Amino acid sequence: MSEALRRPADLAARYGGEEYAALLPETILENAQIVAEAIRKTVAGLLIPNENSPVASHVTISIGVACASPQGDGDPSAPIKAADAALYRAKRNGHDRTETQQ
């Protein structure tokens, strides 16, 4: 994941048990989608065996993408909630995919 993040301010971090986050400061949604798809394709291309998966014979990932601009009175958890909703939409829509906030 961190290999897809090329700018010094970009950050990859573990966020929970099997979840990770990529923070891409000053990035528009379309560019965040491009980075997310690159990460998804890289992981799929590793062909790590996953024999018990109903999705594929190798490890795949689902990604939720969201963007937000800092707001003084906004909810600081809003981008996390939006990305989480997009992630669960990706899982519902078949896994091994990238979904964006609505």
PDB file of N, CA and C in Angstrom:
ATOM      1  N   MET A   1       0.820  -1.189   0.000  1.00  0.00           N
ATOM      2  CA  MET A   1       0.000   0.000   0.000  1.00  0.00           C
ATOM      3  C   MET A   1       0.863   1.251   0.000  1.00  0.00           C
ATOM      4  N   SER A   2       1.867   1.251   0.841  1.00  0.00           N
ATOM      5  CA  SER A   2       2.699   2.450   0.946  1.00  0.00           C
ATOM      6  C   SER A   2       3.479   2.721  -0.337  1.00  0.00           C
ATOM      7  N   GLU A   3       3.691   1.704  -1.155  1.00  0.00           N
ATOM      8  CA  GLU A   3       4.397   1.921  -2.426  1.00  0.00           C
ATOM      9  C   GLU A   3       3.574   2.765  -3.395  1.00  0.00           C
ATOM     10  N   ALA A   4       2.256   2.735  -3.257  1.00  0.00           N
ATOM     11  CA  ALA A   4       1.396   3.521  -4.140  1.00  0.00           C
ATOM     12  C   ALA A   4       1.316   4.975  -3.700  1.00  0.00           C
ATOM     13  N   LEU A   5       1.755   5.263  -2.492  1.00  0.00           N
ATOM     14  CA  LEU A   5       1.717   6.616  -1.962  1.00  0.00           C
ATOM     15  C   LEU A   5       3.067   7.261  -2.228  1.00  0.00           C
ATOM     16  N   ARG A   6       3.104   8.185  -3.118  1.00  0.00           N
ATOM     17  CA  ARG A   6       4.382   8.710  -3.606  1.00  0.00           C
ATOM     18  C   ARG A   6       4.774  10.064  -3.031  1.00  0.00           C
ATOM     19  N   ARG A   7       3.826  10.812  -2.501  1.00  0.00           N
ATOM     20  CA  ARG A   7       4.149  12.148  -2.004  1.00  0.00           C
ATOM     21  C   ARG A   7       4.567  12.075  -0.536  1.00  0.00           C
ATOM     22  N   PRO A   8       5.464  12.951  -0.112  1.00  0.00           N
ATOM     23  CA  PRO A   8       5.945  12.906   1.276  1.00  0.00           C
ATOM     24  C   PRO A   8       4.839  13.013   2.330  1.00  0.00           C
ATOM     25  N   ALA A   9       3.775  13.737   2.060  1.00  0.00           N
ATOM     26  CA  ALA A   9       2.718  13.922   3.061  1.00  0.00           C
ATOM     27  C   ALA A   9       1.703  12.781   3.076  1.00  0.00           C
ATOM     28  N   ASP A  10       1.699  11.914   2.059  1.00  0.00           N
ATOM     29  CA  ASP A  10       0.775  10.786   2.030  1.00  0.00           C
ATOM     30  C   ASP A  10       1.146   9.809   3.140  1.00  0.00           C
ATOM     31  N   LEU A  11       0.122   9.178   3.728  1.00  0.00           N
ATOM     32  CA  LEU A  11       0.355   8.309   4.873  1.00  0.00           C
ATOM     33  C   LEU A  11      -0.475   7.046   4.767  1.00  0.00           C
ATOM     34  N   ALA A  12       0.150   5.901   4.984  1.00  0.00           N
ATOM     35  CA  ALA A  12      -0.551   4.623   5.084  1.00  0.00           C
ATOM     36  C   ALA A  12      -0.484   4.180   6.535  1.00  0.00           C
ATOM     37  N   ALA A  13      -1.622   3.701   7.064  1.00  0.00           N
ATOM     38  CA  ALA A  13      -1.656   3.290   8.460  1.00  0.00           C
ATOM     39  C   ALA A  13      -2.672   2.177   8.665  1.00  0.00           C
ATOM     40  N   ARG A  14      -2.403   1.336   9.647  1.00  0.00           N
ATOM     41  CA  ARG A  14      -3.377   0.321  10.029  1.00  0.00           C
ATOM     42  C   ARG A  14      -4.491   1.012  10.798  1.00  0.00           C
ATOM     43  N   TYR A  15      -5.726   0.613  10.492  1.00  0.00           N
ATOM     44  CA  TYR A  15      -6.883   1.229  11.135  1.00  0.00           C
ATOM     45  C   TYR A  15      -7.835   0.106  11.537  1.00  0.00           C
ATOM     46  N   GLY A  16      -7.606  -0.480  12.663  1.00  0.00           N
ATOM     47  CA  GLY A  16      -8.437  -1.594  13.099  1.00  0.00           C
ATOM     48  C   GLY A  16      -7.807  -2.927  12.732  1.00  0.00           C
ATOM     49  N   GLY A  17      -8.544  -3.996  12.944  1.00  0.00           N
ATOM     50  CA  GLY A  17      -8.042  -5.349  12.740  1.00  0.00           C
ATOM     51  C   GLY A  17      -7.520  -5.631  11.344  1.00  0.00           C
ATOM     52  N   GLU A  18      -8.408  -5.608  10.368  1.00  0.00           N
ATOM     53  CA  GLU A  18      -8.018  -5.903   8.989  1.00  0.00           C
ATOM     54  C   GLU A  18      -8.227  -4.703   8.081  1.00  0.00           C
ATOM     55  N   GLU A  19      -8.332  -3.532   8.658  1.00  0.00           N
ATOM     56  CA  GLU A  19      -8.562  -2.328   7.868  1.00  0.00           C
ATOM     57  C   GLU A  19      -7.337  -1.421   7.915  1.00  0.00           C
ATOM     58  N   TYR A  20      -7.137  -0.733   6.797  1.00  0.00           N
ATOM     59  CA  TYR A  20      -6.027   0.208   6.664  1.00  0.00           C
ATOM     60  C   TYR A  20      -6.575   1.518   6.124  1.00  0.00           C
ATOM     61  N   ALA A  21      -5.840   2.577   6.338  1.00  0.00           N
ATOM     62  CA  ALA A  21      -6.242   3.881   5.836  1.00  0.00           C
ATOM     63  C   ALA A  21      -5.082   4.488   5.058  1.00  0.00           C
ATOM     64  N   ALA A  22      -5.418   5.199   4.002  1.00  0.00           N
ATOM     65  CA  ALA A  22      -4.434   5.989   3.270  1.00  0.00           C
ATOM     66  C   ALA A  22      -4.918   7.434   3.331  1.00  0.00           C
ATOM     67  N   LEU A  23      -4.105   8.296   3.872  1.00  0.00           N
ATOM     68  CA  LEU A  23      -4.436   9.713   3.948  1.00  0.00           C
ATOM     69  C   LEU A  23      -3.670  10.441   2.863  1.00  0.00           C
ATOM     70  N   LEU A  24      -4.393  11.138   2.010  1.00  0.00           N
ATOM     71  CA  LEU A  24      -3.814  11.807   0.848  1.00  0.00           C
ATOM     72  C   LEU A  24      -4.164  13.285   0.908  1.00  0.00           C
ATOM     73  N   PRO A  25      -3.397  14.077   1.631  1.00  0.00           N
ATOM     74  CA  PRO A  25      -3.715  15.505   1.770  1.00  0.00           C
ATOM     75  C   PRO A  25      -3.774  16.214   0.414  1.00  0.00           C
ATOM     76  N   GLU A  26      -4.687  17.166   0.321  1.00  0.00           N
ATOM     77  CA  GLU A  26      -4.841  17.996  -0.875  1.00  0.00           C
ATOM     78  C   GLU A  26      -5.000  17.166  -2.141  1.00  0.00           C
ATOM     79  N   THR A  27      -5.885  16.155  -2.050  1.00  0.00           N
ATOM     80  CA  THR A  27      -6.141  15.266  -3.182  1.00  0.00           C
ATOM     81  C   THR A  27      -7.627  15.287  -3.490  1.00  0.00           C
ATOM     82  N   ILE A  28      -7.978  15.497  -4.751  1.00  0.00           N
ATOM     83  CA  ILE A  28      -9.380  15.466  -5.150  1.00  0.00           C
ATOM     84  C   ILE A  28      -9.847  14.015  -5.254  1.00  0.00           C
ATOM     85  N   LEU A  29     -11.163  13.824  -5.199  1.00  0.00           N
ATOM     86  CA  LEU A  29     -11.744  12.489  -5.191  1.00  0.00           C
ATOM     87  C   LEU A  29     -11.282  11.640  -6.369  1.00  0.00           C
ATOM     88  N   GLU A  30     -11.253  12.224  -7.550  1.00  0.00           N
ATOM     89  CA  GLU A  30     -10.849  11.455  -8.746  1.00  0.00           C
ATOM     90  C   GLU A  30      -9.428  10.920  -8.615  1.00  0.00           C
ATOM     91  N   ASN A  31      -8.518  11.718  -8.086  1.00  0.00           N
ATOM     92  CA  ASN A  31      -7.144  11.254  -7.921  1.00  0.00           C
ATOM     93  C   ASN A  31      -7.032  10.229  -6.799  1.00  0.00           C
ATOM     94  N   ALA A  32      -7.830  10.387  -5.761  1.00  0.00           N
ATOM     95  CA  ALA A  32      -7.847   9.389  -4.683  1.00  0.00           C
ATOM     96  C   ALA A  32      -8.342   8.051  -5.219  1.00  0.00           C
ATOM     97  N   GLN A  33      -9.311   8.084  -6.123  1.00  0.00           N
ATOM     98  CA  GLN A  33      -9.805   6.856  -6.749  1.00  0.00           C
ATOM     99  C   GLN A  33      -8.693   6.165  -7.541  1.00  0.00           C
ATOM    100  N   ILE A  34      -7.895   6.945  -8.244  1.00  0.00           N
ATOM    101  CA  ILE A  34      -6.795   6.378  -9.030  1.00  0.00           C
ATOM    102  C   ILE A  34      -5.796   5.677  -8.116  1.00  0.00           C
ATOM    103  N   VAL A  35      -5.458   6.308  -7.006  1.00  0.00           N
ATOM    104  CA  VAL A  35      -4.526   5.703  -6.052  1.00  0.00           C
ATOM    105  C   VAL A  35      -5.133   4.431  -5.461  1.00  0.00           C
ATOM    106  N   ALA A  36      -6.402   4.497  -5.084  1.00  0.00           N
ATOM    107  CA  ALA A  36      -7.074   3.331  -4.507  1.00  0.00           C
ATOM    108  C   ALA A  36      -7.087   2.160  -5.481  1.00  0.00           C
ATOM    109  N   GLU A  37      -7.388   2.423  -6.733  1.00  0.00           N
ATOM    110  CA  GLU A  37      -7.404   1.358  -7.741  1.00  0.00           C
ATOM    111  C   GLU A  37      -6.010   0.776  -7.937  1.00  0.00           C
ATOM    112  N   ALA A  38      -4.984   1.602  -7.909  1.00  0.00           N
ATOM    113  CA  ALA A  38      -3.610   1.103  -8.032  1.00  0.00           C
ATOM    114  C   ALA A  38      -3.272   0.174  -6.874  1.00  0.00           C
ATOM    115  N   ILE A  39      -3.692   0.547  -5.673  1.00  0.00           N
ATOM    116  CA  ILE A  39      -3.460  -0.313  -4.504  1.00  0.00           C
ATOM    117  C   ILE A  39      -4.202  -1.633  -4.665  1.00  0.00           C
ATOM    118  N   ARG A  40      -5.472  -1.566  -5.057  1.00  0.00           N
ATOM    119  CA  ARG A  40      -6.274  -2.787  -5.224  1.00  0.00           C
ATOM    120  C   ARG A  40      -5.667  -3.725  -6.258  1.00  0.00           C
ATOM    121  N   LYS A  41      -5.256  -3.178  -7.389  1.00  0.00           N
ATOM    122  CA  LYS A  41      -4.671  -3.998  -8.449  1.00  0.00           C
ATOM    123  C   LYS A  41      -3.323  -4.584  -8.031  1.00  0.00           C
ATOM    124  N   THR A  42      -2.541  -3.824  -7.283  1.00  0.00           N
ATOM    125  CA  THR A  42      -1.253  -4.325  -6.818  1.00  0.00           C
ATOM    126  C   THR A  42      -1.438  -5.521  -5.902  1.00  0.00           C
ATOM    127  N   VAL A  43      -2.363  -5.414  -4.961  1.00  0.00           N
ATOM    128  CA  VAL A  43      -2.616  -6.526  -4.040  1.00  0.00           C
ATOM    129  C   VAL A  43      -3.118  -7.745  -4.802  1.00  0.00           C
ATOM    130  N   ALA A  44      -4.055  -7.563  -5.706  1.00  0.00           N
ATOM    131  CA  ALA A  44      -4.572  -8.690  -6.499  1.00  0.00           C
ATOM    132  C   ALA A  44      -3.460  -9.324  -7.322  1.00  0.00           C
ATOM    133  N   GLY A  45      -2.554  -8.499  -7.844  1.00  0.00           N
ATOM    134  CA  GLY A  45      -1.463  -8.996  -8.672  1.00  0.00           C
ATOM    135  C   GLY A  45      -0.420  -9.800  -7.916  1.00  0.00           C
ATOM    136  N   LEU A  46      -0.422  -9.707  -6.605  1.00  0.00           N
ATOM    137  CA  LEU A  46       0.524 -10.497  -5.802  1.00  0.00           C
ATOM    138  C   LEU A  46       0.162 -11.977  -5.798  1.00  0.00           C
ATOM    139  N   LEU A  47      -1.092 -12.280  -6.101  1.00  0.00           N
ATOM    140  CA  LEU A  47      -1.597 -13.658  -6.167  1.00  0.00           C
ATOM    141  C   LEU A  47      -1.282 -14.457  -4.905  1.00  0.00           C
ATOM    142  N   ILE A  48      -1.500 -13.841  -3.753  1.00  0.00           N
ATOM    143  CA  ILE A  48      -1.308 -14.520  -2.473  1.00  0.00           C
ATOM    144  C   ILE A  48      -2.459 -15.510  -2.314  1.00  0.00           C
ATOM    145  N   PRO A  49      -2.163 -16.809  -2.163  1.00  0.00           N
ATOM    146  CA  PRO A  49      -3.239 -17.798  -2.073  1.00  0.00           C
ATOM    147  C   PRO A  49      -4.198 -17.516  -0.915  1.00  0.00           C
ATOM    148  N   ASN A  50      -5.490 -17.721  -1.191  1.00  0.00           N
ATOM    149  CA  ASN A  50      -6.544 -17.552  -0.190  1.00  0.00           C
ATOM    150  C   ASN A  50      -7.606 -18.596  -0.488  1.00  0.00           C
ATOM    151  N   GLU A  51      -7.289 -19.829  -0.165  1.00  0.00           N
ATOM    152  CA  GLU A  51      -8.121 -20.966  -0.558  1.00  0.00           C
ATOM    153  C   GLU A  51      -9.521 -20.946   0.040  1.00  0.00           C
ATOM    154  N   ASN A  52      -9.706 -20.311   1.191  1.00  0.00           N
ATOM    155  CA  ASN A  52     -11.014 -20.326   1.853  1.00  0.00           C
ATOM    156  C   ASN A  52     -11.911 -19.158   1.444  1.00  0.00           C
ATOM    157  N   SER A  53     -11.485 -18.336   0.510  1.00  0.00           N
ATOM    158  CA  SER A  53     -12.258 -17.162   0.119  1.00  0.00           C
ATOM    159  C   SER A  53     -13.362 -17.529  -0.867  1.00  0.00           C
ATOM    160  N   PRO A  54     -14.570 -17.010  -0.645  1.00  0.00           N
ATOM    161  CA  PRO A  54     -15.628 -17.204  -1.632  1.00  0.00           C
ATOM    162  C   PRO A  54     -15.521 -16.230  -2.809  1.00  0.00           C
ATOM    163  N   VAL A  55     -14.571 -15.283  -2.728  1.00  0.00           N
ATOM    164  CA  VAL A  55     -14.433 -14.240  -3.747  1.00  0.00           C
ATOM    165  C   VAL A  55     -13.434 -14.633  -4.829  1.00  0.00           C
ATOM    166  N   ALA A  56     -12.262 -15.088  -4.419  1.00  0.00           N
ATOM    167  CA  ALA A  56     -11.199 -15.408  -5.367  1.00  0.00           C
ATOM    168  C   ALA A  56     -10.240 -16.392  -4.717  1.00  0.00           C
ATOM    169  N   SER A  57      -9.431 -17.041  -5.527  1.00  0.00           N
ATOM    170  CA  SER A  57      -8.460 -18.006  -5.001  1.00  0.00           C
ATOM    171  C   SER A  57      -7.233 -17.320  -4.409  1.00  0.00           C
ATOM    172  N   HIS A  58      -7.183 -15.999  -4.525  1.00  0.00           N
ATOM    173  CA  HIS A  58      -6.060 -15.227  -3.981  1.00  0.00           C
ATOM    174  C   HIS A  58      -6.614 -14.044  -3.170  1.00  0.00           C
ATOM    175  N   VAL A  59      -5.749 -13.426  -2.384  1.00  0.00           N
ATOM    176  CA  VAL A  59      -6.148 -12.298  -1.556  1.00  0.00           C
ATOM    177  C   VAL A  59      -6.569 -11.123  -2.433  1.00  0.00           C
ATOM    178  N   THR A  60      -7.711 -10.541  -2.093  1.00  0.00           N
ATOM    179  CA  THR A  60      -8.193  -9.335  -2.756  1.00  0.00           C
ATOM    180  C   THR A  60      -8.547  -8.327  -1.659  1.00  0.00           C
ATOM    181  N   ILE A  61      -8.736  -7.092  -2.053  1.00  0.00           N
ATOM    182  CA  ILE A  61      -9.153  -6.079  -1.084  1.00  0.00           C
ATOM    183  C   ILE A  61     -10.313  -5.264  -1.634  1.00  0.00           C
ATOM    184  N   SER A  62     -11.120  -4.780  -0.724  1.00  0.00           N
ATOM    185  CA  SER A  62     -12.192  -3.840  -1.042  1.00  0.00           C
ATOM    186  C   SER A  62     -11.781  -2.506  -0.454  1.00  0.00           C
ATOM    187  N   ILE A  63     -12.078  -1.424  -1.177  1.00  0.00           N
ATOM    188  CA  ILE A  63     -11.635  -0.100  -0.748  1.00  0.00           C
ATOM    189  C   ILE A  63     -12.791   0.888  -0.793  1.00  0.00           C
ATOM    190  N   GLY A  64     -12.878   1.696   0.265  1.00  0.00           N
ATOM    191  CA  GLY A  64     -13.823   2.802   0.313  1.00  0.00           C
ATOM    192  C   GLY A  64     -13.050   4.103   0.248  1.00  0.00           C
ATOM    193  N   VAL A  65     -13.445   4.997  -0.638  1.00  0.00           N
ATOM    194  CA  VAL A  65     -12.739   6.265  -0.849  1.00  0.00           C
ATOM    195  C   VAL A  65     -13.655   7.428  -0.484  1.00  0.00           C
ATOM    196  N   ALA A  66     -13.113   8.378   0.269  1.00  0.00           N
ATOM    197  CA  ALA A  66     -13.863   9.580   0.626  1.00  0.00           C
ATOM    198  C   ALA A  66     -12.912  10.762   0.679  1.00  0.00           C
ATOM    199  N   CYS A  67     -13.432  11.946   0.427  1.00  0.00           N
ATOM    200  CA  CYS A  67     -12.648  13.175   0.500  1.00  0.00           C
ATOM    201  C   CYS A  67     -13.393  14.189   1.362  1.00  0.00           C
ATOM    202  N   ALA A  68     -12.613  15.042   1.996  1.00  0.00           N
ATOM    203  CA  ALA A  68     -13.207  16.097   2.817  1.00  0.00           C
ATOM    204  C   ALA A  68     -12.259  17.271   2.876  1.00  0.00           C
ATOM    205  N   SER A  69     -12.822  18.451   3.027  1.00  0.00           N
ATOM    206  CA  SER A  69     -12.033  19.659   3.254  1.00  0.00           C
ATOM    207  C   SER A  69     -12.175  20.034   4.722  1.00  0.00           C
ATOM    208  N   PRO A  70     -11.105  20.503   5.336  1.00  0.00           N
ATOM    209  CA  PRO A  70     -11.200  20.888   6.749  1.00  0.00           C
ATOM    210  C   PRO A  70     -12.257  21.973   6.956  1.00  0.00           C
ATOM    211  N   GLN A  71     -13.064  21.767   7.955  1.00  0.00           N
ATOM    212  CA  GLN A  71     -14.125  22.718   8.302  1.00  0.00           C
ATOM    213  C   GLN A  71     -14.006  22.992   9.795  1.00  0.00           C
ATOM    214  N   GLY A  72     -13.990  24.235  10.180  1.00  0.00           N
ATOM    215  CA  GLY A  72     -13.842  24.584  11.584  1.00  0.00           C
ATOM    216  C   GLY A  72     -14.929  24.029  12.471  1.00  0.00           C
ATOM    217  N   ASP A  73     -16.162  23.990  11.976  1.00  0.00           N
ATOM    218  CA  ASP A  73     -17.264  23.515  12.801  1.00  0.00           C
ATOM    219  C   ASP A  73     -17.826  22.185  12.310  1.00  0.00           C
ATOM    220  N   GLY A  74     -17.129  21.536  11.390  1.00  0.00           N
ATOM    221  CA  GLY A  74     -17.603  20.273  10.843  1.00  0.00           C
ATOM    222  C   GLY A  74     -17.301  19.099  11.750  1.00  0.00           C
ATOM    223  N   ASP A  75     -17.890  17.971  11.448  1.00  0.00           N
ATOM    224  CA  ASP A  75     -17.666  16.741  12.195  1.00  0.00           C
ATOM    225  C   ASP A  75     -16.351  16.124  11.739  1.00  0.00           C
ATOM    226  N   PRO A  76     -15.338  16.051  12.600  1.00  0.00           N
ATOM    227  CA  PRO A  76     -14.041  15.519  12.183  1.00  0.00           C
ATOM    228  C   PRO A  76     -14.092  14.039  11.818  1.00  0.00           C
ATOM    229  N   SER A  77     -15.132  13.330  12.250  1.00  0.00           N
ATOM    230  CA  SER A  77     -15.230  11.911  11.907  1.00  0.00           C
ATOM    231  C   SER A  77     -15.986  11.681  10.597  1.00  0.00           C
ATOM    232  N   ALA A  78     -16.507  12.734   9.974  1.00  0.00           N
ATOM    233  CA  ALA A  78     -17.304  12.591   8.748  1.00  0.00           C
ATOM    234  C   ALA A  78     -16.557  11.881   7.621  1.00  0.00           C
ATOM    235  N   PRO A  79     -15.282  12.233   7.326  1.00  0.00           N
ATOM    236  CA  PRO A  79     -14.606  11.519   6.235  1.00  0.00           C
ATOM    237  C   PRO A  79     -14.403  10.036   6.536  1.00  0.00           C
ATOM    238  N   ILE A  80     -14.170   9.709   7.797  1.00  0.00           N
ATOM    239  CA  ILE A  80     -14.001   8.303   8.174  1.00  0.00           C
ATOM    240  C   ILE A  80     -15.313   7.557   7.986  1.00  0.00           C
ATOM    241  N   LYS A  81     -16.410   8.173   8.403  1.00  0.00           N
ATOM    242  CA  LYS A  81     -17.732   7.554   8.233  1.00  0.00           C
ATOM    243  C   LYS A  81     -18.056   7.373   6.757  1.00  0.00           C
ATOM    244  N   ALA A  82     -17.721   8.356   5.923  1.00  0.00           N
ATOM    245  CA  ALA A  82     -17.993   8.262   4.486  1.00  0.00           C
ATOM    246  C   ALA A  82     -17.158   7.169   3.836  1.00  0.00           C
ATOM    247  N   ALA A  83     -15.882   7.075   4.205  1.00  0.00           N
ATOM    248  CA  ALA A  83     -15.019   6.028   3.651  1.00  0.00           C
ATOM    249  C   ALA A  83     -15.491   4.654   4.110  1.00  0.00           C
ATOM    250  N   ASP A  84     -15.913   4.547   5.361  1.00  0.00           N
ATOM    251  CA  ASP A  84     -16.400   3.278   5.894  1.00  0.00           C
ATOM    252  C   ASP A  84     -17.669   2.841   5.168  1.00  0.00           C
ATOM    253  N   ALA A  85     -18.573   3.781   4.913  1.00  0.00           N
ATOM    254  CA  ALA A  85     -19.795   3.455   4.175  1.00  0.00           C
ATOM    255  C   ALA A  85     -19.461   2.983   2.758  1.00  0.00           C
ATOM    256  N   ALA A  86     -18.499   3.640   2.119  1.00  0.00           N
ATOM    257  CA  ALA A  86     -18.079   3.231   0.773  1.00  0.00           C
ATOM    258  C   ALA A  86     -17.431   1.852   0.806  1.00  0.00           C
ATOM    259  N   LEU A  87     -16.642   1.579   1.844  1.00  0.00           N
ATOM    260  CA  LEU A  87     -16.015   0.264   1.983  1.00  0.00           C
ATOM    261  C   LEU A  87     -17.073  -0.827   2.087  1.00  0.00           C
ATOM    262  N   TYR A  88     -18.068  -0.631   2.936  1.00  0.00           N
ATOM    263  CA  TYR A  88     -19.101  -1.659   3.090  1.00  0.00           C
ATOM    264  C   TYR A  88     -19.957  -1.788   1.839  1.00  0.00           C
ATOM    265  N   ARG A  89     -20.116  -0.722   1.084  1.00  0.00           N
ATOM    266  CA  ARG A  89     -20.802  -0.805  -0.213  1.00  0.00           C
ATOM    267  C   ARG A  89     -19.977  -1.666  -1.172  1.00  0.00           C
ATOM    268  N   ALA A  90     -18.658  -1.503  -1.156  1.00  0.00           N
ATOM    269  CA  ALA A  90     -17.781  -2.323  -2.006  1.00  0.00           C
ATOM    270  C   ALA A  90     -17.913  -3.798  -1.637  1.00  0.00           C
ATOM    271  N   LYS A  91     -17.983  -4.086  -0.356  1.00  0.00           N
ATOM    272  CA  LYS A  91     -18.142  -5.480   0.078  1.00  0.00           C
ATOM    273  C   LYS A  91     -19.493  -6.034  -0.356  1.00  0.00           C
ATOM    274  N   ARG A  92     -20.552  -5.235  -0.220  1.00  0.00           N
ATOM    275  CA  ARG A  92     -21.887  -5.681  -0.635  1.00  0.00           C
ATOM    276  C   ARG A  92     -21.978  -5.882  -2.145  1.00  0.00           C
ATOM    277  N   ASN A  93     -21.227  -5.092  -2.890  1.00  0.00           N
ATOM    278  CA  ASN A  93     -21.296  -5.146  -4.357  1.00  0.00           C
ATOM    279  C   ASN A  93     -20.357  -6.164  -4.977  1.00  0.00           C
ATOM    280  N   GLY A  94     -19.788  -7.044  -4.187  1.00  0.00           N
ATOM    281  CA  GLY A  94     -19.025  -8.142  -4.755  1.00  0.00           C
ATOM    282  C   GLY A  94     -17.576  -8.243  -4.340  1.00  0.00           C
ATOM    283  N   HIS A  95     -17.095  -7.392  -3.472  1.00  0.00           N
ATOM    284  CA  HIS A  95     -15.702  -7.445  -3.024  1.00  0.00           C
ATOM    285  C   HIS A  95     -14.743  -7.141  -4.174  1.00  0.00           C
ATOM    286  N   ASP A  96     -13.456  -7.090  -3.853  1.00  0.00           N
ATOM    287  CA  ASP A  96     -12.389  -6.835  -4.833  1.00  0.00           C
ATOM    288  C   ASP A  96     -12.739  -5.649  -5.730  1.00  0.00           C
ATOM    289  N   ARG A  97     -13.106  -4.541  -5.088  1.00  0.00           N
ATOM    290  CA  ARG A  97     -13.499  -3.359  -5.850  1.00  0.00           C
ATOM    291  C   ARG A  97     -13.271  -2.104  -5.026  1.00  0.00           C
ATOM    292  N   THR A  98     -13.337  -0.974  -5.704  1.00  0.00           N
ATOM    293  CA  THR A  98     -13.207   0.330  -5.078  1.00  0.00           C
ATOM    294  C   THR A  98     -14.530   1.069  -5.245  1.00  0.00           C
ATOM    295  N   GLU A  99     -15.046   1.608  -4.137  1.00  0.00           N
ATOM    296  CA  GLU A  99     -16.270   2.413  -4.159  1.00  0.00           C
ATOM    297  C   GLU A  99     -15.943   3.767  -3.553  1.00  0.00           C
ATOM    298  N   THR A 100     -16.655   4.800  -3.994  1.00  0.00           N
ATOM    299  CA  THR A 100     -16.428   6.135  -3.456  1.00  0.00           C
ATOM    300  C   THR A 100     -17.643   6.622  -2.695  1.00  0.00           C
ATOM    301  N   GLN A 101     -17.417   7.668  -1.901  1.00  0.00           N
ATOM    302  CA  GLN A 101     -18.506   8.245  -1.120  1.00  0.00           C
ATOM    303  C   GLN A 101     -19.610   8.719  -2.037  1.00  0.00           C
ATOM    304  N   GLN A 102     -20.815   8.773  -1.520  1.00  0.00           N
ATOM    305  CA  GLN A 102     -21.958   9.231  -2.334  1.00  0.00           C
ATOM    306  C   GLN A 102     -22.428  10.566  -1.826  1.00  0.00           C
TER     307      GLN A 102
END
